[in-house]
Amino acid sequence: MTAAVTWAGIASIVFTATAGDVLQSRAMKEIGDLGAIRREQGLFQVVRRVVSSPRFMLGLFFMALAFFSLLVTLSWDDVSVIGPASASLTFIANAFAARIFLKERVDHRRWLAALFVAGGVALLAR
């Protein structure tokens, strides 16, 4: 496959994995402390709350899409390129998404780490 197709696959992995992470994070913050729920109401209530959360289920759908995108993209190019590129770019995208969508405070150390990760990906790119 061409480099453009490989990078389109990597972009698909990054987008769907980041969307899944953000949706699941928001859902778990809305659901609350699962340990406390289990102690107070039992394991069945924990499972019911999680599977009845539309945001969690949509996040799960996006995580499944990310996995299948990874499988397809691995059929196009080497794992030594796709694995590190998709994982590190997802790390960077998660930092941006956490800041924008979840209103999380992302400190300067995380941004610096994201910059180093981006540099590493640039070194991997052919």
C-alpha atoms as a PDB file:
ATOM      1  CA  MET A   1       0.000   0.000   0.000  1.00  0.00           C
ATOM      2  CA  THR A   2       1.017   3.596  -0.429  1.00  0.00           C
ATOM      3  CA  ALA A   3       2.170   5.745   2.446  1.00  0.00           C
ATOM      4  CA  ALA A   4      -0.941   7.931   2.095  1.00  0.00           C
ATOM      5  CA  VAL A   5      -3.241   4.936   2.570  1.00  0.00           C
ATOM      6  CA  THR A   6      -1.242   3.740   5.570  1.00  0.00           C
ATOM      7  CA  TRP A   7      -1.411   7.184   7.199  1.00  0.00           C
ATOM      8  CA  ALA A   8      -5.149   7.375   6.460  1.00  0.00           C
ATOM      9  CA  GLY A   9      -5.527   4.071   8.328  1.00  0.00           C
ATOM     10  CA  ILE A  10      -3.456   5.398  11.217  1.00  0.00           C
ATOM     11  CA  ALA A  11      -5.621   8.542  11.289  1.00  0.00           C
ATOM     12  CA  SER A  12      -8.723   6.338  11.445  1.00  0.00           C
ATOM     13  CA  ILE A  13      -7.272   4.422  14.391  1.00  0.00           C
ATOM     14  CA  VAL A  14      -6.334   7.637  16.203  1.00  0.00           C
ATOM     15  CA  PHE A  15      -9.720   9.303  15.642  1.00  0.00           C
ATOM     16  CA  THR A  16     -11.831   6.323  16.688  1.00  0.00           C
ATOM     17  CA  ALA A  17      -9.642   5.427  19.690  1.00  0.00           C
ATOM     18  CA  THR A  18      -9.657   9.023  20.925  1.00  0.00           C
ATOM     19  CA  ALA A  19     -13.422   9.312  20.498  1.00  0.00           C
ATOM     20  CA  GLY A  20     -13.857   6.063  22.417  1.00  0.00           C
ATOM     21  CA  ASP A  21     -11.546   7.177  25.221  1.00  0.00           C
ATOM     22  CA  VAL A  22     -13.285  10.550  25.613  1.00  0.00           C
ATOM     23  CA  LEU A  23     -16.783   9.062  25.544  1.00  0.00           C
ATOM     24  CA  GLN A  24     -15.909   6.358  28.049  1.00  0.00           C
ATOM     25  CA  SER A  25     -14.167   8.798  30.353  1.00  0.00           C
ATOM     26  CA  ARG A  26     -17.172  11.117  30.363  1.00  0.00           C
ATOM     27  CA  ALA A  27     -19.515   8.160  30.934  1.00  0.00           C
ATOM     28  CA  MET A  28     -17.509   6.849  33.872  1.00  0.00           C
ATOM     29  CA  LYS A  29     -17.426  10.296  35.477  1.00  0.00           C
ATOM     30  CA  GLU A  30     -21.214  10.483  35.120  1.00  0.00           C
ATOM     31  CA  ILE A  31     -21.758   6.967  36.484  1.00  0.00           C
ATOM     32  CA  GLY A  32     -19.565   7.550  39.523  1.00  0.00           C
ATOM     33  CA  ASP A  33     -17.320   5.441  41.724  1.00  0.00           C
ATOM     34  CA  LEU A  34     -17.956   1.823  40.751  1.00  0.00           C
ATOM     35  CA  GLY A  35     -16.376   0.522  43.953  1.00  0.00           C
ATOM     36  CA  ALA A  36     -18.763   2.557  46.085  1.00  0.00           C
ATOM     37  CA  ILE A  37     -21.750   1.528  43.966  1.00  0.00           C
ATOM     38  CA  ARG A  38     -20.746  -2.147  44.264  1.00  0.00           C
ATOM     39  CA  ARG A  39     -20.364  -1.891  48.050  1.00  0.00           C
ATOM     40  CA  GLU A  40     -23.691  -0.109  48.487  1.00  0.00           C
ATOM     41  CA  GLN A  41     -25.878  -1.723  45.813  1.00  0.00           C
ATOM     42  CA  GLY A  42     -24.063  -4.816  44.551  1.00  0.00           C
ATOM     43  CA  LEU A  43     -22.303  -5.943  41.393  1.00  0.00           C
ATOM     44  CA  PHE A  44     -25.512  -6.244  39.369  1.00  0.00           C
ATOM     45  CA  GLN A  45     -26.182  -2.526  39.852  1.00  0.00           C
ATOM     46  CA  VAL A  46     -22.647  -1.706  38.648  1.00  0.00           C
ATOM     47  CA  VAL A  47     -23.162  -3.730  35.477  1.00  0.00           C
ATOM     48  CA  ARG A  48     -26.631  -2.256  34.935  1.00  0.00           C
ATOM     49  CA  ARG A  49     -25.375   1.320  35.239  1.00  0.00           C
ATOM     50  CA  VAL A  50     -22.479   0.756  32.864  1.00  0.00           C
ATOM     51  CA  VAL A  51     -24.389  -1.062  30.122  1.00  0.00           C
ATOM     52  CA  SER A  52     -27.341   1.335  30.350  1.00  0.00           C
ATOM     53  CA  SER A  53     -25.116   4.364  29.727  1.00  0.00           C
ATOM     54  CA  PRO A  54     -25.521   5.475  26.094  1.00  0.00           C
ATOM     55  CA  ARG A  55     -22.224   7.390  26.251  1.00  0.00           C
ATOM     56  CA  PHE A  56     -20.367   4.319  27.491  1.00  0.00           C
ATOM     57  CA  MET A  57     -21.888   2.113  24.809  1.00  0.00           C
ATOM     58  CA  LEU A  58     -21.043   4.647  22.081  1.00  0.00           C
ATOM     59  CA  GLY A  59     -17.490   4.786  23.446  1.00  0.00           C
ATOM     60  CA  LEU A  60     -17.337   1.004  23.323  1.00  0.00           C
ATOM     61  CA  PHE A  61     -18.504   1.116  19.687  1.00  0.00           C
ATOM     62  CA  PHE A  62     -15.729   3.585  18.815  1.00  0.00           C
ATOM     63  CA  MET A  63     -13.152   1.433  20.618  1.00  0.00           C
ATOM     64  CA  ALA A  64     -14.292  -1.551  18.544  1.00  0.00           C
ATOM     65  CA  LEU A  65     -13.950   0.553  15.384  1.00  0.00           C
ATOM     66  CA  ALA A  66     -10.436   1.504  16.473  1.00  0.00           C
ATOM     67  CA  PHE A  67      -9.539  -2.152  16.923  1.00  0.00           C
ATOM     68  CA  PHE A  68     -10.866  -3.152  13.512  1.00  0.00           C
ATOM     69  CA  SER A  69      -9.172  -0.128  11.936  1.00  0.00           C
ATOM     70  CA  LEU A  70      -5.940  -1.331  13.494  1.00  0.00           C
ATOM     71  CA  LEU A  71      -6.431  -4.822  12.055  1.00  0.00           C
ATOM     72  CA  VAL A  72      -7.110  -3.490   8.560  1.00  0.00           C
ATOM     73  CA  THR A  73      -4.199  -1.061   8.690  1.00  0.00           C
ATOM     74  CA  LEU A  74      -1.855  -3.815   9.887  1.00  0.00           C
ATOM     75  CA  SER A  75      -2.686  -5.703   6.709  1.00  0.00           C
ATOM     76  CA  TRP A  76      -1.352  -2.733   4.703  1.00  0.00           C
ATOM     77  CA  ASP A  77       2.015  -2.031   6.329  1.00  0.00           C
ATOM     78  CA  ASP A  78       4.519  -3.099   8.986  1.00  0.00           C
ATOM     79  CA  VAL A  79       3.579  -3.277  12.636  1.00  0.00           C
ATOM     80  CA  SER A  80       6.848  -1.474  13.418  1.00  0.00           C
ATOM     81  CA  VAL A  81       5.346   1.652  11.817  1.00  0.00           C
ATOM     82  CA  ILE A  82       1.646   1.308  12.578  1.00  0.00           C
ATOM     83  CA  GLY A  83       1.900   0.261  16.226  1.00  0.00           C
ATOM     84  CA  PRO A  84       4.073   3.097  17.519  1.00  0.00           C
ATOM     85  CA  ALA A  85       2.528   5.726  15.231  1.00  0.00           C
ATOM     86  CA  SER A  86      -1.063   4.938  16.167  1.00  0.00           C
ATOM     87  CA  ALA A  87      -0.309   4.576  19.874  1.00  0.00           C
ATOM     88  CA  SER A  88       1.727   7.756  20.164  1.00  0.00           C
ATOM     89  CA  LEU A  89      -0.577   9.870  18.021  1.00  0.00           C
ATOM     90  CA  THR A  90      -3.524   8.631  20.076  1.00  0.00           C
ATOM     91  CA  PHE A  91      -1.649   9.829  23.179  1.00  0.00           C
ATOM     92  CA  ILE A  92      -1.338  13.294  21.639  1.00  0.00           C
ATOM     93  CA  ALA A  93      -4.955  13.356  20.432  1.00  0.00           C
ATOM     94  CA  ASN A  94      -6.149  12.285  23.893  1.00  0.00           C
ATOM     95  CA  ALA A  95      -4.340  15.243  25.474  1.00  0.00           C
ATOM     96  CA  PHE A  96      -6.040  17.668  23.078  1.00  0.00           C
ATOM     97  CA  ALA A  97      -9.443  15.984  23.442  1.00  0.00           C
ATOM     98  CA  ALA A  98      -9.208  15.925  27.242  1.00  0.00           C
ATOM     99  CA  ARG A  99      -8.490  19.645  27.235  1.00  0.00           C
ATOM    100  CA  ILE A 100     -11.213  20.551  24.741  1.00  0.00           C
ATOM    101  CA  PHE A 101     -14.073  18.134  25.443  1.00  0.00           C
ATOM    102  CA  LEU A 102     -13.547  17.100  29.062  1.00  0.00           C
ATOM    103  CA  LYS A 103     -12.205  20.469  30.259  1.00  0.00           C
ATOM    104  CA  GLU A 104      -9.315  18.684  31.961  1.00  0.00           C
ATOM    105  CA  ARG A 105      -6.240  20.607  32.982  1.00  0.00           C
ATOM    106  CA  VAL A 106      -3.336  19.359  30.874  1.00  0.00           C
ATOM    107  CA  ASP A 107      -0.146  20.682  32.430  1.00  0.00           C
ATOM    108  CA  HIS A 108       3.042  21.693  30.650  1.00  0.00           C
ATOM    109  CA  ARG A 109       4.719  18.341  31.352  1.00  0.00           C
ATOM    110  CA  ARG A 110       2.020  16.497  29.398  1.00  0.00           C
ATOM    111  CA  TRP A 111       2.319  18.920  26.477  1.00  0.00           C
ATOM    112  CA  LEU A 112       6.093  18.501  26.508  1.00  0.00           C
ATOM    113  CA  ALA A 113       5.671  14.728  26.564  1.00  0.00           C
ATOM    114  CA  ALA A 114       3.268  14.985  23.620  1.00  0.00           C
ATOM    115  CA  LEU A 115       5.856  17.040  21.746  1.00  0.00           C
ATOM    116  CA  PHE A 116       8.525  14.397  22.342  1.00  0.00           C
ATOM    117  CA  VAL A 117       6.105  11.687  21.228  1.00  0.00           C
ATOM    118  CA  ALA A 118       5.383  13.622  18.026  1.00  0.00           C
ATOM    119  CA  GLY A 119       9.125  13.893  17.434  1.00  0.00           C
ATOM    120  CA  GLY A 120       9.490  10.149  17.854  1.00  0.00           C
ATOM    121  CA  VAL A 121       6.719   9.509  15.355  1.00  0.00           C
ATOM    122  CA  ALA A 122       8.396  11.869  12.887  1.00  0.00           C
ATOM    123  CA  LEU A 123      11.587   9.829  13.237  1.00  0.00           C
ATOM    124  CA  LEU A 124       9.650   6.628  12.491  1.00  0.00           C
ATOM    125  CA  ALA A 125       7.943   8.015   9.404  1.00  0.00           C
ATOM    126  CA  ARG A 126       9.502   7.053   6.127  1.00  0.00           C
END
